[in-house]
PDB file of all heavy atoms in Angstrom:
ATOM      1  N   ALA A   1     -20.199 -41.907  -0.242  1.00  0.00           N
ATOM      2  CA  ALA A   1     -18.892 -42.110  -0.840  1.00  0.00           C
ATOM      3  C   ALA A   1     -18.566 -41.204  -1.957  1.00  0.00           C
ATOM      4  O   ALA A   1     -17.384 -40.715  -2.050  1.00  0.00           O
ATOM      5  CB  ALA A   1     -18.815 -43.566  -1.340  1.00  0.00           C
ATOM      6  N   LEU A   2     -19.571 -40.786  -2.805  1.00  0.00           N
ATOM      7  CA  LEU A   2     -19.316 -39.919  -3.856  1.00  0.00           C
ATOM      8  C   LEU A   2     -19.066 -38.477  -3.449  1.00  0.00           C
ATOM      9  O   LEU A   2     -18.556 -37.649  -4.235  1.00  0.00           O
ATOM     10  CB  LEU A   2     -20.527 -39.982  -4.836  1.00  0.00           C
ATOM     11  CG  LEU A   2     -20.712 -41.311  -5.596  1.00  0.00           C
ATOM     12  CD1 LEU A   2     -21.867 -41.176  -6.587  1.00  0.00           C
ATOM     13  CD2 LEU A   2     -19.441 -41.757  -6.274  1.00  0.00           C
ATOM     14  N   GLU A   3     -19.410 -38.189  -2.237  1.00  0.00           N
ATOM     15  CA  GLU A   3     -19.271 -36.788  -1.731  1.00  0.00           C
ATOM     16  C   GLU A   3     -17.760 -36.454  -1.582  1.00  0.00           C
ATOM     17  O   GLU A   3     -17.342 -35.304  -1.673  1.00  0.00           O
ATOM     18  CB  GLU A   3     -19.933 -36.549  -0.434  1.00  0.00           C
ATOM     19  CG  GLU A   3     -21.436 -36.511  -0.497  1.00  0.00           C
ATOM     20  CD  GLU A   3     -22.081 -36.294   0.862  1.00  0.00           C
ATOM     21  OE1 GLU A   3     -21.296 -36.319   1.894  1.00  0.00           O
ATOM     22  OE2 GLU A   3     -23.290 -36.268   0.880  1.00  0.00           O
ATOM     23  N   ASP A   4     -16.895 -37.520  -1.517  1.00  0.00           N
ATOM     24  CA  ASP A   4     -15.448 -37.369  -1.434  1.00  0.00           C
ATOM     25  C   ASP A   4     -14.824 -37.048  -2.893  1.00  0.00           C
ATOM     26  O   ASP A   4     -13.680 -36.724  -2.891  1.00  0.00           O
ATOM     27  CB  ASP A   4     -14.852 -38.614  -0.912  1.00  0.00           C
ATOM     28  CG  ASP A   4     -15.222 -38.801   0.547  1.00  0.00           C
ATOM     29  OD1 ASP A   4     -15.464 -37.862   1.235  1.00  0.00           O
ATOM     30  OD2 ASP A   4     -15.254 -40.040   0.950  1.00  0.00           O
ATOM     31  N   SER A   5     -15.675 -37.173  -3.850  1.00  0.00           N
ATOM     32  CA  SER A   5     -15.051 -36.916  -5.294  1.00  0.00           C
ATOM     33  C   SER A   5     -15.379 -35.464  -5.758  1.00  0.00           C
ATOM     34  O   SER A   5     -16.540 -35.120  -5.771  1.00  0.00           O
ATOM     35  CB  SER A   5     -15.741 -37.862  -6.228  1.00  0.00           C
ATOM     36  OG  SER A   5     -15.390 -37.470  -7.489  1.00  0.00           O
ATOM     37  N   PRO A   6     -14.333 -34.705  -5.963  1.00  0.00           N
ATOM     38  CA  PRO A   6     -14.618 -33.296  -6.458  1.00  0.00           C
ATOM     39  C   PRO A   6     -15.382 -33.311  -7.788  1.00  0.00           C
ATOM     40  O   PRO A   6     -16.117 -32.277  -7.973  1.00  0.00           O
ATOM     41  CB  PRO A   6     -13.194 -32.723  -6.683  1.00  0.00           C
ATOM     42  CG  PRO A   6     -12.328 -33.875  -6.728  1.00  0.00           C
ATOM     43  CD  PRO A   6     -12.902 -34.936  -5.911  1.00  0.00           C
ATOM     44  N   ASN A   7     -15.275 -34.264  -8.626  1.00  0.00           N
ATOM     45  CA  ASN A   7     -15.999 -34.307  -9.847  1.00  0.00           C
ATOM     46  C   ASN A   7     -17.410 -34.513  -9.643  1.00  0.00           C
ATOM     47  O   ASN A   7     -18.232 -33.975 -10.296  1.00  0.00           O
ATOM     48  CB  ASN A   7     -15.429 -35.474 -10.803  1.00  0.00           C
ATOM     49  CG  ASN A   7     -14.197 -35.003 -11.502  1.00  0.00           C
ATOM     50  OD1 ASN A   7     -13.943 -33.843 -11.842  1.00  0.00           O
ATOM     51  ND2 ASN A   7     -13.163 -35.930 -11.665  1.00  0.00           N
ATOM     52  N   ALA A   8     -17.744 -35.338  -8.684  1.00  0.00           N
ATOM     53  CA  ALA A   8     -19.214 -35.687  -8.428  1.00  0.00           C
ATOM     54  C   ALA A   8     -19.890 -34.468  -7.830  1.00  0.00           C
ATOM     55  O   ALA A   8     -21.096 -34.311  -7.951  1.00  0.00           O
ATOM     56  CB  ALA A   8     -19.256 -36.862  -7.464  1.00  0.00           C
ATOM     57  N   ALA A   9     -19.105 -33.638  -7.191  1.00  0.00           N
ATOM     58  CA  ALA A   9     -19.699 -32.449  -6.496  1.00  0.00           C
ATOM     59  C   ALA A   9     -20.020 -31.261  -7.427  1.00  0.00           C
ATOM     60  O   ALA A   9     -20.911 -30.487  -7.178  1.00  0.00           O
ATOM     61  CB  ALA A   9     -18.702 -31.888  -5.375  1.00  0.00           C
ATOM     62  N   LEU A  10     -19.499 -31.323  -8.660  1.00  0.00           N
ATOM     63  CA  LEU A  10     -19.696 -30.323  -9.634  1.00  0.00           C
ATOM     64  C   LEU A  10     -21.149 -30.418 -10.258  1.00  0.00           C
ATOM     65  O   LEU A  10     -21.624 -31.499 -10.473  1.00  0.00           O
ATOM     66  CB  LEU A  10     -18.716 -30.376 -10.836  1.00  0.00           C
ATOM     67  CG  LEU A  10     -17.239 -30.096 -10.429  1.00  0.00           C
ATOM     68  CD1 LEU A  10     -16.336 -30.285 -11.643  1.00  0.00           C
ATOM     69  CD2 LEU A  10     -17.090 -28.645  -9.973  1.00  0.00           C
ATOM     70  N   ASN A  11     -21.768 -29.286 -10.531  1.00  0.00           N
ATOM     71  CA  ASN A  11     -23.038 -29.261 -11.149  1.00  0.00           C
ATOM     72  C   ASN A  11     -22.938 -29.463 -12.648  1.00  0.00           C
ATOM     73  O   ASN A  11     -22.636 -28.538 -13.522  1.00  0.00           O
ATOM     74  CB  ASN A  11     -23.744 -27.968 -10.859  1.00  0.00           C
ATOM     75  CG  ASN A  11     -25.197 -27.909 -11.334  1.00  0.00           C
ATOM     76  OD1 ASN A  11     -25.626 -28.796 -12.022  1.00  0.00           O
ATOM     77  ND2 ASN A  11     -25.912 -26.830 -11.123  1.00  0.00           N
ATOM     78  N   LYS A  12     -23.181 -30.672 -13.134  1.00  0.00           N
ATOM     79  CA  LYS A  12     -23.010 -31.063 -14.577  1.00  0.00           C
ATOM     80  C   LYS A  12     -23.993 -30.417 -15.453  1.00  0.00           C
ATOM     81  O   LYS A  12     -23.861 -30.194 -16.678  1.00  0.00           O
ATOM     82  CB  LYS A  12     -23.015 -32.556 -14.741  1.00  0.00           C
ATOM     83  CG  LYS A  12     -22.045 -33.387 -13.915  1.00  0.00           C
ATOM     84  CD  LYS A  12     -20.612 -32.917 -14.246  1.00  0.00           C
ATOM     85  CE  LYS A  12     -19.588 -33.924 -13.593  1.00  0.00           C
ATOM     86  NZ  LYS A  12     -19.809 -34.053 -12.100  1.00  0.00           N
ATOM     87  N   THR A  13     -25.169 -29.933 -14.906  1.00  0.00           N
ATOM     88  CA  THR A  13     -26.238 -29.385 -15.767  1.00  0.00           C
ATOM     89  C   THR A  13     -25.744 -28.063 -16.331  1.00  0.00           C
ATOM     90  O   THR A  13     -26.279 -27.627 -17.350  1.00  0.00           O
ATOM     91  CB  THR A  13     -27.526 -29.190 -14.964  1.00  0.00           C
ATOM     92  OG1 THR A  13     -27.246 -28.292 -13.900  1.00  0.00           O
ATOM     93  CG2 THR A  13     -28.018 -30.562 -14.462  1.00  0.00           C
ATOM     94  N   LEU A  14     -24.784 -27.371 -15.727  1.00  0.00           N
ATOM     95  CA  LEU A  14     -24.390 -26.054 -16.235  1.00  0.00           C
ATOM     96  C   LEU A  14     -23.616 -26.229 -17.556  1.00  0.00           C
ATOM     97  O   LEU A  14     -23.650 -25.355 -18.409  1.00  0.00           O
ATOM     98  CB  LEU A  14     -23.393 -25.389 -15.230  1.00  0.00           C
ATOM     99  CG  LEU A  14     -24.030 -24.908 -13.853  1.00  0.00           C
ATOM    100  CD1 LEU A  14     -22.955 -24.484 -12.888  1.00  0.00           C
ATOM    101  CD2 LEU A  14     -25.141 -23.902 -14.168  1.00  0.00           C
ATOM    102  N   LEU A  15     -23.013 -27.425 -17.799  1.00  0.00           N
ATOM    103  CA  LEU A  15     -22.323 -27.698 -18.973  1.00  0.00           C
ATOM    104  C   LEU A  15     -23.162 -27.573 -20.228  1.00  0.00           C
ATOM    105  O   LEU A  15     -22.741 -27.235 -21.254  1.00  0.00           O
ATOM    106  CB  LEU A  15     -21.579 -29.013 -18.935  1.00  0.00           C
ATOM    107  CG  LEU A  15     -20.670 -29.343 -20.088  1.00  0.00           C
ATOM    108  CD1 LEU A  15     -19.513 -28.315 -20.180  1.00  0.00           C
ATOM    109  CD2 LEU A  15     -20.031 -30.772 -19.858  1.00  0.00           C
ATOM    110  N   ASP A  16     -24.443 -28.048 -20.066  1.00  0.00           N
ATOM    111  CA  ASP A  16     -25.399 -27.993 -21.191  1.00  0.00           C
ATOM    112  C   ASP A  16     -25.634 -26.615 -21.729  1.00  0.00           C
ATOM    113  O   ASP A  16     -25.832 -26.446 -22.882  1.00  0.00           O
ATOM    114  CB  ASP A  16     -26.771 -28.633 -20.799  1.00  0.00           C
ATOM    115  CG  ASP A  16     -26.652 -30.090 -20.530  1.00  0.00           C
ATOM    116  OD1 ASP A  16     -25.748 -30.742 -21.138  1.00  0.00           O
ATOM    117  OD2 ASP A  16     -27.536 -30.584 -19.713  1.00  0.00           O
ATOM    118  N   ARG A  17     -25.444 -25.559 -20.881  1.00  0.00           N
ATOM    119  CA  ARG A  17     -25.623 -24.206 -21.311  1.00  0.00           C
ATOM    120  C   ARG A  17     -24.545 -23.827 -22.412  1.00  0.00           C
ATOM    121  O   ARG A  17     -24.912 -23.046 -23.303  1.00  0.00           O
ATOM    122  CB  ARG A  17     -25.508 -23.272 -20.099  1.00  0.00           C
ATOM    123  CG  ARG A  17     -25.626 -21.793 -20.390  1.00  0.00           C
ATOM    124  CD  ARG A  17     -25.256 -20.939 -19.173  1.00  0.00           C
ATOM    125  NE  ARG A  17     -26.173 -21.311 -17.998  1.00  0.00           N
ATOM    126  CZ  ARG A  17     -26.000 -20.796 -16.773  1.00  0.00           C
ATOM    127  NH1 ARG A  17     -25.062 -19.936 -16.576  1.00  0.00           N
ATOM    128  NH2 ARG A  17     -26.880 -21.226 -15.915  1.00  0.00           N
ATOM    129  N   TYR A  18     -23.420 -24.469 -22.341  1.00  0.00           N
ATOM    130  CA  TYR A  18     -22.353 -24.146 -23.271  1.00  0.00           C
ATOM    131  C   TYR A  18     -22.317 -25.111 -24.369  1.00  0.00           C
ATOM    132  O   TYR A  18     -21.951 -24.709 -25.550  1.00  0.00           O
ATOM    133  CB  TYR A  18     -20.986 -24.048 -22.436  1.00  0.00           C
ATOM    134  CG  TYR A  18     -21.018 -23.130 -21.296  1.00  0.00           C
ATOM    135  CD1 TYR A  18     -21.236 -23.545 -20.012  1.00  0.00           C
ATOM    136  CD2 TYR A  18     -21.024 -21.768 -21.603  1.00  0.00           C
ATOM    137  CE1 TYR A  18     -21.387 -22.654 -19.017  1.00  0.00           C
ATOM    138  CE2 TYR A  18     -21.060 -20.824 -20.559  1.00  0.00           C
ATOM    139  CZ  TYR A  18     -21.240 -21.299 -19.271  1.00  0.00           C
ATOM    140  OH  TYR A  18     -21.388 -20.458 -18.153  1.00  0.00           O
ATOM    141  N   TYR A  19     -22.630 -26.364 -24.165  1.00  0.00           N
ATOM    142  CA  TYR A  19     -22.696 -27.307 -25.300  1.00  0.00           C
ATOM    143  C   TYR A  19     -23.846 -26.989 -26.232  1.00  0.00           C
ATOM    144  O   TYR A  19     -23.776 -27.292 -27.456  1.00  0.00           O
ATOM    145  CB  TYR A  19     -23.012 -28.744 -24.717  1.00  0.00           C
ATOM    146  CG  TYR A  19     -21.726 -29.544 -24.449  1.00  0.00           C
ATOM    147  CD1 TYR A  19     -21.828 -30.580 -23.518  1.00  0.00           C
ATOM    148  CD2 TYR A  19     -20.553 -29.163 -24.912  1.00  0.00           C
ATOM    149  CE1 TYR A  19     -20.590 -31.353 -23.211  1.00  0.00           C
ATOM    150  CE2 TYR A  19     -19.308 -29.913 -24.635  1.00  0.00           C
ATOM    151  CZ  TYR A  19     -19.404 -30.947 -23.787  1.00  0.00           C
ATOM    152  OH  TYR A  19     -18.318 -31.648 -23.539  1.00  0.00           O
ATOM    153  N   SER A  20     -24.872 -26.241 -25.734  1.00  0.00           N
ATOM    154  CA  SER A  20     -25.987 -25.797 -26.631  1.00  0.00           C
ATOM    155  C   SER A  20     -25.634 -24.593 -27.445  1.00  0.00           C
ATOM    156  O   SER A  20     -26.451 -24.204 -28.284  1.00  0.00           O
ATOM    157  CB  SER A  20     -27.221 -25.525 -25.755  1.00  0.00           C
ATOM    158  OG  SER A  20     -26.990 -24.450 -24.872  1.00  0.00           O
ATOM    159  N   LEU A  21     -24.518 -23.993 -27.208  1.00  0.00           N
ATOM    160  CA  LEU A  21     -24.089 -22.814 -28.031  1.00  0.00           C
ATOM    161  C   LEU A  21     -23.881 -23.231 -29.480  1.00  0.00           C
ATOM    162  O   LEU A  21     -23.322 -24.306 -29.769  1.00  0.00           O
ATOM    163  CB  LEU A  21     -22.795 -22.150 -27.535  1.00  0.00           C
ATOM    164  CG  LEU A  21     -22.898 -21.390 -26.177  1.00  0.00           C
ATOM    165  CD1 LEU A  21     -21.470 -21.096 -25.737  1.00  0.00           C
ATOM    166  CD2 LEU A  21     -23.738 -20.235 -26.364  1.00  0.00           C
ATOM    167  N   PRO A  22     -24.345 -22.435 -30.470  1.00  0.00           N
ATOM    168  CA  PRO A  22     -24.097 -22.821 -31.902  1.00  0.00           C
ATOM    169  C   PRO A  22     -22.627 -22.936 -32.130  1.00  0.00           C
ATOM    170  O   PRO A  22     -21.777 -22.081 -31.815  1.00  0.00           O
ATOM    171  CB  PRO A  22     -24.648 -21.728 -32.706  1.00  0.00           C
ATOM    172  CG  PRO A  22     -25.628 -21.001 -31.642  1.00  0.00           C
ATOM    173  CD  PRO A  22     -25.083 -21.200 -30.300  1.00  0.00           C
ATOM    174  N   GLN A  23     -22.238 -24.023 -32.907  1.00  0.00           N
ATOM    175  CA  GLN A  23     -20.857 -24.215 -33.226  1.00  0.00           C
ATOM    176  C   GLN A  23     -20.597 -23.658 -34.652  1.00  0.00           C
ATOM    177  O   GLN A  23     -21.412 -23.891 -35.604  1.00  0.00           O
ATOM    178  CB  GLN A  23     -20.519 -25.731 -33.142  1.00  0.00           C
ATOM    179  CG  GLN A  23     -19.051 -26.005 -33.347  1.00  0.00           C
ATOM    180  CD  GLN A  23     -18.746 -27.497 -32.865  1.00  0.00           C
ATOM    181  OE1 GLN A  23     -19.466 -28.005 -32.037  1.00  0.00           O
ATOM    182  NE2 GLN A  23     -17.672 -28.062 -33.410  1.00  0.00           N
ATOM    183  N   PRO A  24     -19.527 -22.933 -34.903  1.00  0.00           N
ATOM    184  CA  PRO A  24     -19.293 -22.431 -36.246  1.00  0.00           C
ATOM    185  C   PRO A  24     -19.343 -23.505 -37.274  1.00  0.00           C
ATOM    186  O   PRO A  24     -18.897 -24.637 -37.039  1.00  0.00           O
ATOM    187  CB  PRO A  24     -17.888 -21.870 -36.112  1.00  0.00           C
ATOM    188  CG  PRO A  24     -17.746 -21.463 -34.696  1.00  0.00           C
ATOM    189  CD  PRO A  24     -18.546 -22.534 -33.953  1.00  0.00           C
ATOM    190  N   GLU A  25     -19.930 -23.212 -38.399  1.00  0.00           N
ATOM    191  CA  GLU A  25     -20.203 -24.241 -39.454  1.00  0.00           C
ATOM    192  C   GLU A  25     -18.956 -24.980 -39.897  1.00  0.00           C
ATOM    193  O   GLU A  25     -19.026 -26.207 -40.089  1.00  0.00           O
ATOM    194  CB  GLU A  25     -20.803 -23.536 -40.600  1.00  0.00           C
ATOM    195  CG  GLU A  25     -21.184 -24.511 -41.710  1.00  0.00           C
ATOM    196  CD  GLU A  25     -21.922 -23.806 -42.890  1.00  0.00           C
ATOM    197  OE1 GLU A  25     -22.179 -22.584 -42.736  1.00  0.00           O
ATOM    198  OE2 GLU A  25     -22.148 -24.451 -44.003  1.00  0.00           O
ATOM    199  N   LYS A  26     -17.882 -24.305 -39.983  1.00  0.00           N
ATOM    200  CA  LYS A  26     -16.612 -25.045 -40.561  1.00  0.00           C
ATOM    201  C   LYS A  26     -15.556 -25.234 -39.457  1.00  0.00           C
ATOM    202  O   LYS A  26     -14.431 -25.378 -39.761  1.00  0.00           O
ATOM    203  CB  LYS A  26     -16.001 -24.213 -41.702  1.00  0.00           C
ATOM    204  CG  LYS A  26     -16.914 -24.156 -42.886  1.00  0.00           C
ATOM    205  CD  LYS A  26     -16.190 -23.418 -44.101  1.00  0.00           C
ATOM    206  CE  LYS A  26     -17.121 -23.440 -45.296  1.00  0.00           C
ATOM    207  NZ  LYS A  26     -16.418 -22.830 -46.490  1.00  0.00           N
ATOM    208  N   LYS A  27     -16.056 -25.371 -38.235  1.00  0.00           N
ATOM    209  CA  LYS A  27     -15.118 -25.675 -37.098  1.00  0.00           C
ATOM    210  C   LYS A  27     -15.627 -26.976 -36.362  1.00  0.00           C
ATOM    211  O   LYS A  27     -16.742 -27.016 -36.057  1.00  0.00           O
ATOM    212  CB  LYS A  27     -15.095 -24.523 -36.138  1.00  0.00           C
ATOM    213  CG  LYS A  27     -14.567 -23.179 -36.676  1.00  0.00           C
ATOM    214  CD  LYS A  27     -13.004 -23.297 -37.102  1.00  0.00           C
ATOM    215  CE  LYS A  27     -12.531 -21.960 -37.539  1.00  0.00           C
ATOM    216  NZ  LYS A  27     -11.074 -21.977 -37.817  1.00  0.00           N
ATOM    217  N   ILE A  28     -14.691 -27.886 -36.235  1.00  0.00           N
ATOM    218  CA  ILE A  28     -15.000 -29.059 -35.360  1.00  0.00           C
ATOM    219  C   ILE A  28     -13.929 -29.244 -34.270  1.00  0.00           C
ATOM    220  O   ILE A  28     -12.808 -28.782 -34.457  1.00  0.00           O
ATOM    221  CB  ILE A  28     -15.198 -30.376 -36.163  1.00  0.00           C
ATOM    222  CG1 ILE A  28     -13.864 -30.831 -36.690  1.00  0.00           C
ATOM    223  CG2 ILE A  28     -16.264 -30.086 -37.272  1.00  0.00           C
ATOM    224  CD1 ILE A  28     -13.965 -32.194 -37.202  1.00  0.00           C
ATOM    225  N   GLN A  29     -14.258 -29.982 -33.193  1.00  0.00           N
ATOM    226  CA  GLN A  29     -13.309 -30.274 -32.197  1.00  0.00           C
ATOM    227  C   GLN A  29     -12.913 -31.759 -32.461  1.00  0.00           C
ATOM    228  O   GLN A  29     -13.773 -32.646 -32.484  1.00  0.00           O
ATOM    229  CB  GLN A  29     -13.872 -30.061 -30.796  1.00  0.00           C
ATOM    230  CG  GLN A  29     -14.080 -28.622 -30.527  1.00  0.00           C
ATOM    231  CD  GLN A  29     -14.818 -28.374 -29.131  1.00  0.00           C
ATOM    232  OE1 GLN A  29     -16.100 -28.563 -29.083  1.00  0.00           O
ATOM    233  NE2 GLN A  29     -14.091 -28.103 -28.147  1.00  0.00           N
ATOM    234  N   ALA A  30     -11.597 -32.027 -32.505  1.00  0.00           N
ATOM    235  CA  ALA A  30     -11.081 -33.362 -32.690  1.00  0.00           C
ATOM    236  C   ALA A  30     -10.266 -33.750 -31.480  1.00  0.00           C
ATOM    237  O   ALA A  30      -9.268 -33.111 -31.159  1.00  0.00           O
ATOM    238  CB  ALA A  30     -10.217 -33.486 -33.828  1.00  0.00           C
ATOM    239  N   LYS A  31     -10.766 -34.730 -30.614  1.00  0.00           N
ATOM    240  CA  LYS A  31      -9.956 -35.079 -29.484  1.00  0.00           C
ATOM    241  C   LYS A  31      -9.086 -36.331 -29.818  1.00  0.00           C
ATOM    242  O   LYS A  31      -9.575 -37.391 -30.139  1.00  0.00           O
ATOM    243  CB  LYS A  31     -10.968 -35.547 -28.349  1.00  0.00           C
ATOM    244  CG  LYS A  31     -10.172 -36.017 -27.101  1.00  0.00           C
ATOM    245  CD  LYS A  31     -11.192 -36.325 -25.916  1.00  0.00           C
ATOM    246  CE  LYS A  31     -11.737 -35.053 -25.228  1.00  0.00           C
ATOM    247  NZ  LYS A  31     -10.617 -34.301 -24.549  1.00  0.00           N
ATOM    248  N   TYR A  32      -7.849 -36.114 -29.823  1.00  0.00           N
ATOM    249  CA  TYR A  32      -6.815 -37.085 -30.135  1.00  0.00           C
ATOM    250  C   TYR A  32      -6.551 -37.961 -28.845  1.00  0.00           C
ATOM    251  O   TYR A  32      -6.306 -37.481 -27.774  1.00  0.00           O
ATOM    252  CB  TYR A  32      -5.593 -36.429 -30.537  1.00  0.00           C
ATOM    253  CG  TYR A  32      -5.441 -35.948 -31.897  1.00  0.00           C
ATOM    254  CD1 TYR A  32      -6.451 -35.376 -32.581  1.00  0.00           C
ATOM    255  CD2 TYR A  32      -4.309 -36.211 -32.784  1.00  0.00           C
ATOM    256  CE1 TYR A  32      -6.438 -34.882 -33.936  1.00  0.00           C
ATOM    257  CE2 TYR A  32      -4.285 -35.725 -34.082  1.00  0.00           C
ATOM    258  CZ  TYR A  32      -5.329 -35.165 -34.628  1.00  0.00           C
ATOM    259  OH  TYR A  32      -5.266 -34.665 -35.963  1.00  0.00           O
ATOM    260  N   ILE A  33      -6.703 -39.279 -28.964  1.00  0.00           N
ATOM    261  CA  ILE A  33      -6.489 -40.188 -27.930  1.00  0.00           C
ATOM    262  C   ILE A  33      -5.324 -41.081 -28.131  1.00  0.00           C
ATOM    263  O   ILE A  33      -5.100 -41.558 -29.271  1.00  0.00           O
ATOM    264  CB  ILE A  33      -7.743 -41.088 -27.808  1.00  0.00           C
ATOM    265  CG1 ILE A  33      -9.029 -40.256 -27.635  1.00  0.00           C
ATOM    266  CG2 ILE A  33      -7.679 -42.148 -26.685  1.00  0.00           C
ATOM    267  CD1 ILE A  33     -10.308 -40.993 -27.787  1.00  0.00           C
ATOM    268  N   TRP A  34      -4.498 -41.463 -27.124  1.00  0.00           N
ATOM    269  CA  TRP A  34      -3.415 -42.298 -27.267  1.00  0.00           C
ATOM    270  C   TRP A  34      -3.036 -43.003 -25.962  1.00  0.00           C
ATOM    271  O   TRP A  34      -3.512 -42.661 -24.868  1.00  0.00           O
ATOM    272  CB  TRP A  34      -2.183 -41.494 -27.774  1.00  0.00           C
ATOM    273  CG  TRP A  34      -1.514 -40.611 -26.808  1.00  0.00           C
ATOM    274  CD1 TRP A  34      -0.425 -40.941 -25.986  1.00  0.00           C
ATOM    275  CD2 TRP A  34      -1.835 -39.289 -26.628  1.00  0.00           C
ATOM    276  NE1 TRP A  34      -0.113 -39.786 -25.254  1.00  0.00           N
ATOM    277  CE2 TRP A  34      -0.991 -38.793 -25.553  1.00  0.00           C
ATOM    278  CE3 TRP A  34      -2.824 -38.308 -27.106  1.00  0.00           C
ATOM    279  CZ2 TRP A  34      -0.968 -37.463 -25.071  1.00  0.00           C
ATOM    280  CZ3 TRP A  34      -2.865 -37.001 -26.577  1.00  0.00           C
ATOM    281  CH2 TRP A  34      -2.019 -36.601 -25.606  1.00  0.00           C
ATOM    282  N   ILE A  35      -2.243 -44.047 -26.132  1.00  0.00           N
ATOM    283  CA  ILE A  35      -1.727 -44.873 -24.953  1.00  0.00           C
ATOM    284  C   ILE A  35      -0.438 -44.421 -24.467  1.00  0.00           C
ATOM    285  O   ILE A  35       0.503 -44.120 -25.220  1.00  0.00           O
ATOM    286  CB  ILE A  35      -1.695 -46.349 -25.387  1.00  0.00           C
ATOM    287  CG1 ILE A  35      -2.943 -46.850 -26.010  1.00  0.00           C
ATOM    288  CG2 ILE A  35      -1.232 -47.223 -24.203  1.00  0.00           C
ATOM    289  CD1 ILE A  35      -2.839 -48.101 -26.848  1.00  0.00           C
ATOM    290  N   ASP A  36      -0.394 -44.157 -23.117  1.00  0.00           N
ATOM    291  CA  ASP A  36       0.905 -43.594 -22.550  1.00  0.00           C
ATOM    292  C   ASP A  36       1.897 -44.684 -22.311  1.00  0.00           C
ATOM    293  O   ASP A  36       1.708 -45.854 -22.642  1.00  0.00           O
ATOM    294  CB  ASP A  36       0.614 -42.807 -21.332  1.00  0.00           C
ATOM    295  CG  ASP A  36       0.124 -43.593 -20.076  1.00  0.00           C
ATOM    296  OD1 ASP A  36       0.425 -44.849 -20.083  1.00  0.00           O
ATOM    297  OD2 ASP A  36      -0.352 -42.927 -19.199  1.00  0.00           O
ATOM    298  N   GLY A  37       3.066 -44.377 -21.698  1.00  0.00           N
ATOM    299  CA  GLY A  37       4.214 -45.258 -21.555  1.00  0.00           C
ATOM    300  C   GLY A  37       3.936 -46.428 -20.603  1.00  0.00           C
ATOM    301  O   GLY A  37       4.703 -47.395 -20.575  1.00  0.00           O
ATOM    302  N   THR A  38       2.802 -46.338 -19.781  1.00  0.00           N
ATOM    303  CA  THR A  38       2.630 -47.443 -18.922  1.00  0.00           C
ATOM    304  C   THR A  38       1.956 -48.659 -19.719  1.00  0.00           C
ATOM    305  O   THR A  38       1.955 -49.797 -19.115  1.00  0.00           O
ATOM    306  CB  THR A  38       1.557 -47.105 -17.837  1.00  0.00           C
ATOM    307  OG1 THR A  38       0.341 -46.753 -18.418  1.00  0.00           O
ATOM    308  CG2 THR A  38       2.080 -45.853 -17.073  1.00  0.00           C
ATOM    309  N   GLY A  39       1.478 -48.444 -20.894  1.00  0.00           N
ATOM    310  CA  GLY A  39       0.926 -49.426 -21.681  1.00  0.00           C
ATOM    311  C   GLY A  39      -0.553 -49.678 -21.284  1.00  0.00           C
ATOM    312  O   GLY A  39      -1.301 -50.614 -21.958  1.00  0.00           O
TER     313      GLY A  39
END
């Protein structure tokens, strides 16, 4: 069943290669989250 999902087919281990890159000392990523018009 999961083979039908494009997300499941991606190789997630490759992402670790980039998450392991050093992040600049004075830079952070802030993900803003909100509720849309559907409620």
